[in-house]
Amino acid sequence: VGRNVAECLTRCGTSSSLISIVGNDKLGKMALELCGNSGMVTNQIEVIEGVSTPVAQLLVKSGNVLGGVCDFSSHSNIIEDLISDSDIKDSSYVIIDCDIPLSTALSVAQKCLESNV
């Protein structure tokens, strides 16, 4: 979800950087390459050994999502230490993936508030 938002912002001419995690697997390498090719800044996407790259498979009909299967469990590894104050201060928008620990979400929100982002 976060990747889609960050890519859309990038394609609309707004520099965007995604804070996320991928596994050190084929899917993770492909995701990093696709994000980079779109113009998105990828230096805040961490590659983590031993986790699977997040995936979502959705069934869509006429623009409506009928159902899906998702595995975002690796997002529990997006911890506060991965997100520096300068990453927030240098941003117009902060996009972070879903299913992150509550402490991480609160920390990012506080950093955004302090930086007027």
C-alpha atoms as a PDB file:
ATOM      1  CA  VAL A   1       0.000   0.000   0.000  1.00  0.00           C
ATOM      2  CA  GLY A   2       2.717   2.454   0.984  1.00  0.00           C
ATOM      3  CA  ARG A   3       4.714   1.634  -2.119  1.00  0.00           C
ATOM      4  CA  ASN A   4       1.723   2.429  -4.328  1.00  0.00           C
ATOM      5  CA  VAL A   5       1.242   5.823  -2.656  1.00  0.00           C
ATOM      6  CA  ALA A   6       4.950   6.690  -2.862  1.00  0.00           C
ATOM      7  CA  GLU A   7       5.118   5.668  -6.522  1.00  0.00           C
ATOM      8  CA  CYS A   8       2.020   7.713  -7.405  1.00  0.00           C
ATOM      9  CA  LEU A   9       3.512  10.799  -5.721  1.00  0.00           C
ATOM     10  CA  THR A  10       6.769  10.258  -7.615  1.00  0.00           C
ATOM     11  CA  ARG A  11       4.969   9.872 -10.947  1.00  0.00           C
ATOM     12  CA  CYS A  12       3.099  13.131 -10.211  1.00  0.00           C
ATOM     13  CA  GLY A  13       6.411  14.951  -9.799  1.00  0.00           C
ATOM     14  CA  THR A  14       6.662  14.940  -6.009  1.00  0.00           C
ATOM     15  CA  SER A  15       9.868  13.492  -4.656  1.00  0.00           C
ATOM     16  CA  SER A  16       8.961  10.626  -2.378  1.00  0.00           C
ATOM     17  CA  SER A  17      10.784   8.193  -0.200  1.00  0.00           C
ATOM     18  CA  LEU A  18       9.266   5.018   1.185  1.00  0.00           C
ATOM     19  CA  ILE A  19      10.087   3.693   4.645  1.00  0.00           C
ATOM     20  CA  SER A  20       9.685  -0.059   4.441  1.00  0.00           C
ATOM     21  CA  ILE A  21      11.303  -3.481   4.611  1.00  0.00           C
ATOM     22  CA  VAL A  22      11.931  -6.197   2.060  1.00  0.00           C
ATOM     23  CA  GLY A  23      13.441  -9.610   2.483  1.00  0.00           C
ATOM     24  CA  ASN A  24      16.774 -10.561   0.976  1.00  0.00           C
ATOM     25  CA  ASP A  25      14.974 -12.617  -1.636  1.00  0.00           C
ATOM     26  CA  LYS A  26      14.109 -12.467  -5.331  1.00  0.00           C
ATOM     27  CA  LEU A  27      10.889 -10.552  -4.685  1.00  0.00           C
ATOM     28  CA  GLY A  28      12.700  -8.011  -2.509  1.00  0.00           C
ATOM     29  CA  LYS A  29      15.336  -7.382  -5.163  1.00  0.00           C
ATOM     30  CA  MET A  30      12.620  -6.964  -7.778  1.00  0.00           C
ATOM     31  CA  ALA A  31      10.697  -4.537  -5.529  1.00  0.00           C
ATOM     32  CA  LEU A  32      13.803  -2.395  -4.953  1.00  0.00           C
ATOM     33  CA  GLU A  33      14.529  -2.319  -8.668  1.00  0.00           C
ATOM     34  CA  LEU A  34      10.958  -1.352  -9.587  1.00  0.00           C
ATOM     35  CA  CYS A  35      10.859   1.365  -6.924  1.00  0.00           C
ATOM     36  CA  GLY A  36      14.178   2.765  -8.090  1.00  0.00           C
ATOM     37  CA  ASN A  37      13.126   2.669 -11.744  1.00  0.00           C
ATOM     38  CA  SER A  38      10.029   4.716 -10.878  1.00  0.00           C
ATOM     39  CA  GLY A  39      12.247   7.480  -9.485  1.00  0.00           C
ATOM     40  CA  MET A  40      11.383   6.792  -5.870  1.00  0.00           C
ATOM     41  CA  VAL A  41      14.137   7.205  -3.278  1.00  0.00           C
ATOM     42  CA  THR A  42      14.863   3.714  -1.941  1.00  0.00           C
ATOM     43  CA  ASN A  43      17.555   4.296   0.685  1.00  0.00           C
ATOM     44  CA  GLN A  44      14.974   3.944   3.490  1.00  0.00           C
ATOM     45  CA  ILE A  45      13.862   0.496   2.339  1.00  0.00           C
ATOM     46  CA  GLU A  46      15.773  -1.935   4.523  1.00  0.00           C
ATOM     47  CA  VAL A  47      16.755  -5.390   3.268  1.00  0.00           C
ATOM     48  CA  ILE A  48      16.432  -7.846   6.149  1.00  0.00           C
ATOM     49  CA  GLU A  49      17.775 -11.401   6.228  1.00  0.00           C
ATOM     50  CA  GLY A  50      15.327 -14.082   7.272  1.00  0.00           C
ATOM     51  CA  VAL A  51      12.084 -12.263   6.482  1.00  0.00           C
ATOM     52  CA  SER A  52       9.864 -12.587   3.448  1.00  0.00           C
ATOM     53  CA  THR A  53       9.167  -9.615   1.228  1.00  0.00           C
ATOM     54  CA  PRO A  54       5.591  -8.395   1.807  1.00  0.00           C
ATOM     55  CA  VAL A  55       3.103  -9.552  -0.830  1.00  0.00           C
ATOM     56  CA  ALA A  56      -0.536  -8.950  -1.662  1.00  0.00           C
ATOM     57  CA  GLN A  57      -2.687 -10.856  -4.119  1.00  0.00           C
ATOM     58  CA  LEU A  58      -6.002  -9.157  -4.807  1.00  0.00           C
ATOM     59  CA  LEU A  59      -8.991 -10.268  -6.823  1.00  0.00           C
ATOM     60  CA  VAL A  60     -10.424  -7.213  -8.582  1.00  0.00           C
ATOM     61  CA  LYS A  61     -13.523  -7.011 -10.774  1.00  0.00           C
ATOM     62  CA  SER A  62     -14.704  -3.786 -12.396  1.00  0.00           C
ATOM     63  CA  GLY A  63     -12.450  -1.738 -10.126  1.00  0.00           C
ATOM     64  CA  ASN A  64     -13.757  -3.328  -6.935  1.00  0.00           C
ATOM     65  CA  VAL A  65     -11.648  -5.510  -4.665  1.00  0.00           C
ATOM     66  CA  LEU A  66     -13.543  -8.739  -4.141  1.00  0.00           C
ATOM     67  CA  GLY A  67     -10.985 -10.368  -1.872  1.00  0.00           C
ATOM     68  CA  GLY A  68      -7.338 -10.897  -1.291  1.00  0.00           C
ATOM     69  CA  VAL A  69      -4.557 -12.630   0.520  1.00  0.00           C
ATOM     70  CA  CYS A  70      -1.750 -10.560   2.020  1.00  0.00           C
ATOM     71  CA  ASP A  71       1.364 -11.201   4.062  1.00  0.00           C
ATOM     72  CA  PHE A  72       2.767  -8.046   5.613  1.00  0.00           C
ATOM     73  CA  SER A  73       4.204  -9.786   8.687  1.00  0.00           C
ATOM     74  CA  SER A  74       7.705  -8.499   7.946  1.00  0.00           C
ATOM     75  CA  HIS A  75       6.464  -4.970   8.613  1.00  0.00           C
ATOM     76  CA  SER A  76       6.677  -5.770  12.313  1.00  0.00           C
ATOM     77  CA  ASN A  77      10.440  -5.256  11.768  1.00  0.00           C
ATOM     78  CA  ILE A  78       9.957  -1.582  10.890  1.00  0.00           C
ATOM     79  CA  ILE A  79      11.200  -0.193  14.164  1.00  0.00           C
ATOM     80  CA  GLU A  80      11.849   3.352  15.333  1.00  0.00           C
ATOM     81  CA  ASP A  81      15.625   2.998  14.917  1.00  0.00           C
ATOM     82  CA  LEU A  82      15.218   2.645  11.146  1.00  0.00           C
ATOM     83  CA  ILE A  83      13.767   6.146  10.829  1.00  0.00           C
ATOM     84  CA  SER A  84      16.085   9.079  11.386  1.00  0.00           C
ATOM     85  CA  ASP A  85      15.020  12.609  12.234  1.00  0.00           C
ATOM     86  CA  SER A  86      16.705  13.886   9.055  1.00  0.00           C
ATOM     87  CA  ASP A  87      14.652  11.454   6.944  1.00  0.00           C
ATOM     88  CA  ILE A  88      11.530  13.120   8.299  1.00  0.00           C
ATOM     89  CA  LYS A  89      12.788  16.736   8.201  1.00  0.00           C
ATOM     90  CA  ASP A  90      13.867  16.462   4.556  1.00  0.00           C
ATOM     91  CA  SER A  91      10.455  15.179   3.438  1.00  0.00           C
ATOM     92  CA  SER A  92       7.383  16.895   2.053  1.00  0.00           C
ATOM     93  CA  TYR A  93       5.387  13.736   2.705  1.00  0.00           C
ATOM     94  CA  VAL A  94       6.136  10.755   4.904  1.00  0.00           C
ATOM     95  CA  ILE A  95       4.807   7.424   3.728  1.00  0.00           C
ATOM     96  CA  ILE A  96       5.254   4.369   5.886  1.00  0.00           C
ATOM     97  CA  ASP A  97       3.925   0.911   5.238  1.00  0.00           C
ATOM     98  CA  CYS A  98       1.022  -0.613   7.126  1.00  0.00           C
ATOM     99  CA  ASP A  99       1.061  -3.133   9.963  1.00  0.00           C
ATOM    100  CA  ILE A 100       3.969  -1.512  11.783  1.00  0.00           C
ATOM    101  CA  PRO A 101       4.423  -1.609  15.553  1.00  0.00           C
ATOM    102  CA  LEU A 102       2.362   1.021  17.364  1.00  0.00           C
ATOM    103  CA  SER A 103       5.499   2.468  18.973  1.00  0.00           C
ATOM    104  CA  THR A 104       6.969   3.056  15.498  1.00  0.00           C
ATOM    105  CA  ALA A 105       3.803   4.750  14.235  1.00  0.00           C
ATOM    106  CA  LEU A 106       3.697   7.032  17.273  1.00  0.00           C
ATOM    107  CA  SER A 107       7.386   7.872  16.917  1.00  0.00           C
ATOM    108  CA  VAL A 108       6.986   8.780  13.234  1.00  0.00           C
ATOM    109  CA  ALA A 109       3.902  10.866  13.988  1.00  0.00           C
ATOM    110  CA  GLN A 110       5.790  12.740  16.719  1.00  0.00           C
ATOM    111  CA  LYS A 111       8.785  13.374  14.428  1.00  0.00           C
ATOM    112  CA  CYS A 112       6.427  14.665  11.716  1.00  0.00           C
ATOM    113  CA  LEU A 113       4.691  16.957  14.190  1.00  0.00           C
ATOM    114  CA  GLU A 114       8.005  18.345  15.417  1.00  0.00           C
ATOM    115  CA  SER A 115       9.203  18.885  11.824  1.00  0.00           C
ATOM    116  CA  ASN A 116       5.903  20.368  10.570  1.00  0.00           C
ATOM    117  CA  VAL A 117       5.595  17.611   7.969  1.00  0.00           C
END
